[in-house]
Amino acid sequence: MGDYEAIREAVFHYCEGYRNKDRERLEKAFALDVAVMTGYIKNKDGELELWSMTMKDAIDSWVAPDYTPFEFSEGRMLAVDIFHGLGATVLFDFGGRYLESYQLAKIDGMWRIVSKFIVNP
């Protein structure tokens, strides 16, 4: 499998793991020891606020029994840039609802998401 296909697979593990609350797939997508999620989310006053959390904490919340994943019927990778064969950036559109950027690292021959940036306007 080439790098582009392996990067797509990592992003697919994230999307399907999130959609199905599948911890195993989510853990395949991320470099759990270092991965973080940062972004702008509306706070209780409706204002955009910058926040961050570890992916371990995010995954714990996503697979919790009381969590309802947002529904998305389509998503597509808008761009994939690989640099030095060890790093990559992916821009992903969840049907216009969310625009996310993922930074990936090739770790022990496997592509894993190390950072996720989200904007939820």
Protein backbone atom coordinates (compact mmCIF):
# COMPACT_ATOMS: atom_id res chain seq x y z
CA MET A 1 0.00 0.00 0.00
CA GLY A 2 1.35 3.42 -0.94
CA ASP A 3 1.52 6.44 1.33
CA TYR A 4 -1.60 8.13 -0.06
CA GLU A 5 -3.68 4.99 0.39
CA ALA A 6 -2.33 4.46 3.92
CA ILE A 7 -3.13 8.08 4.84
CA ARG A 8 -6.66 7.67 3.46
CA GLU A 9 -7.00 4.50 5.52
CA ALA A 10 -5.99 6.30 8.74
CA VAL A 11 -8.55 9.05 8.06
CA PHE A 12 -11.17 6.40 7.19
CA HIS A 13 -10.48 4.62 10.51
CA TYR A 14 -11.13 7.92 12.27
CA CYS A 15 -14.38 8.66 10.38
CA GLU A 16 -15.81 5.17 10.73
CA GLY A 17 -14.60 4.80 14.30
CA TYR A 18 -16.26 8.07 15.24
CA ARG A 19 -19.48 7.29 13.38
CA ASN A 20 -19.78 3.82 14.97
CA LYS A 21 -18.28 4.62 18.40
CA ASP A 22 -15.61 2.00 17.66
CA ARG A 23 -12.66 2.48 20.02
CA GLU A 24 -10.46 -0.01 18.15
CA ARG A 25 -10.76 1.86 14.85
CA LEU A 26 -10.25 5.23 16.55
CA GLU A 27 -7.10 3.95 18.24
CA LYS A 28 -5.81 2.74 14.84
CA ALA A 29 -6.25 6.25 13.44
CA PHE A 30 -4.35 8.23 16.09
CA ALA A 31 -0.88 8.24 17.67
CA LEU A 32 -2.45 8.08 21.13
CA ASP A 33 0.69 8.92 23.11
CA VAL A 34 0.97 12.37 21.52
CA ALA A 35 -2.21 13.15 19.56
CA VAL A 36 -4.23 16.27 20.37
CA MET A 37 -7.36 17.93 19.07
CA THR A 38 -7.52 21.71 18.94
CA GLY A 39 -10.06 24.02 17.42
CA TYR A 40 -12.67 26.72 17.56
CA ILE A 41 -16.00 25.64 19.03
CA LYS A 42 -18.94 27.80 20.06
CA ASN A 43 -19.13 28.26 23.82
CA LYS A 44 -22.36 28.56 25.85
CA ASP A 45 -22.64 32.23 24.82
CA GLY A 46 -22.42 31.33 21.13
CA GLU A 47 -18.94 32.82 20.72
CA LEU A 48 -16.09 30.93 19.10
CA GLU A 49 -13.57 29.76 21.66
CA LEU A 50 -10.21 28.10 21.09
CA TRP A 51 -9.78 24.88 23.10
CA SER A 52 -7.68 21.72 23.10
CA MET A 53 -7.78 18.20 24.49
CA THR A 54 -5.82 14.96 24.14
CA MET A 55 -7.14 12.42 21.67
CA LYS A 56 -7.24 9.87 24.49
CA ASP A 57 -9.79 12.09 26.27
CA ALA A 58 -11.67 12.77 23.03
CA ILE A 59 -11.95 9.06 22.23
CA ASP A 60 -13.14 8.32 25.76
CA SER A 61 -15.93 10.87 25.32
CA TRP A 62 -16.84 9.68 21.79
CA VAL A 63 -17.34 6.05 22.85
CA ALA A 64 -19.20 6.89 26.08
CA PRO A 65 -22.73 5.43 26.20
CA ASP A 66 -24.37 8.88 26.51
CA TYR A 67 -22.48 10.46 23.56
CA THR A 68 -24.32 10.86 20.23
CA PRO A 69 -21.97 11.33 17.27
CA PHE A 70 -22.99 14.02 14.80
CA GLU A 71 -24.38 12.51 11.63
CA PHE A 72 -22.65 13.07 8.35
CA SER A 73 -23.64 11.50 5.08
CA GLU A 74 -20.65 12.64 3.09
CA GLY A 75 -17.09 13.61 3.61
CA ARG A 76 -14.16 14.09 1.34
CA MET A 77 -10.49 14.76 1.41
CA LEU A 78 -9.83 18.09 -0.23
CA ALA A 79 -6.04 17.91 -0.14
CA VAL A 80 -3.22 15.58 0.94
CA ASP A 81 0.34 16.86 1.18
CA ILE A 82 3.18 14.50 2.10
CA PHE A 83 6.55 15.90 3.10
CA HIS A 84 9.85 14.08 3.62
CA GLY A 85 7.97 10.76 3.59
CA LEU A 86 7.38 11.11 7.34
CA GLY A 87 4.75 13.82 7.68
CA ALA A 88 1.50 14.69 5.98
CA THR A 89 -1.33 17.19 6.15
CA VAL A 90 -4.91 16.38 5.14
CA LEU A 91 -7.75 18.86 4.68
CA PHE A 92 -11.13 17.15 5.11
CA ASP A 93 -14.66 18.46 4.55
CA PHE A 94 -17.59 16.82 6.35
CA GLY A 95 -20.24 17.91 3.84
CA GLY A 96 -19.82 21.59 4.70
CA ARG A 97 -20.66 21.06 8.38
CA TYR A 98 -17.09 20.83 9.61
CA LEU A 99 -13.77 21.57 7.98
CA GLU A 100 -10.91 19.72 9.64
CA SER A 101 -7.17 19.53 9.18
CA TYR A 102 -5.17 16.48 10.21
CA GLN A 103 -1.43 16.28 10.64
CA LEU A 104 -0.07 12.77 10.35
CA ALA A 105 3.26 11.15 11.12
CA LYS A 106 4.62 7.90 9.76
CA ILE A 107 5.40 5.88 12.89
CA ASP A 108 6.97 2.44 12.56
CA GLY A 109 5.82 2.36 8.94
CA MET A 110 2.19 3.27 9.75
CA TRP A 111 0.49 6.63 9.20
CA ARG A 112 -1.19 7.98 12.34
CA ILE A 113 -2.97 11.27 13.05
CA VAL A 114 -0.96 13.30 15.58
CA SER A 115 -3.02 16.49 15.46
CA LYS A 116 -6.55 17.41 14.52
CA PHE A 117 -7.68 21.02 14.05
CA ILE A 118 -11.38 21.73 13.78
CA VAL A 119 -13.51 24.78 13.12
CA ASN A 120 -17.18 24.55 14.06
CA PRO A 121 -18.63 27.94 13.08
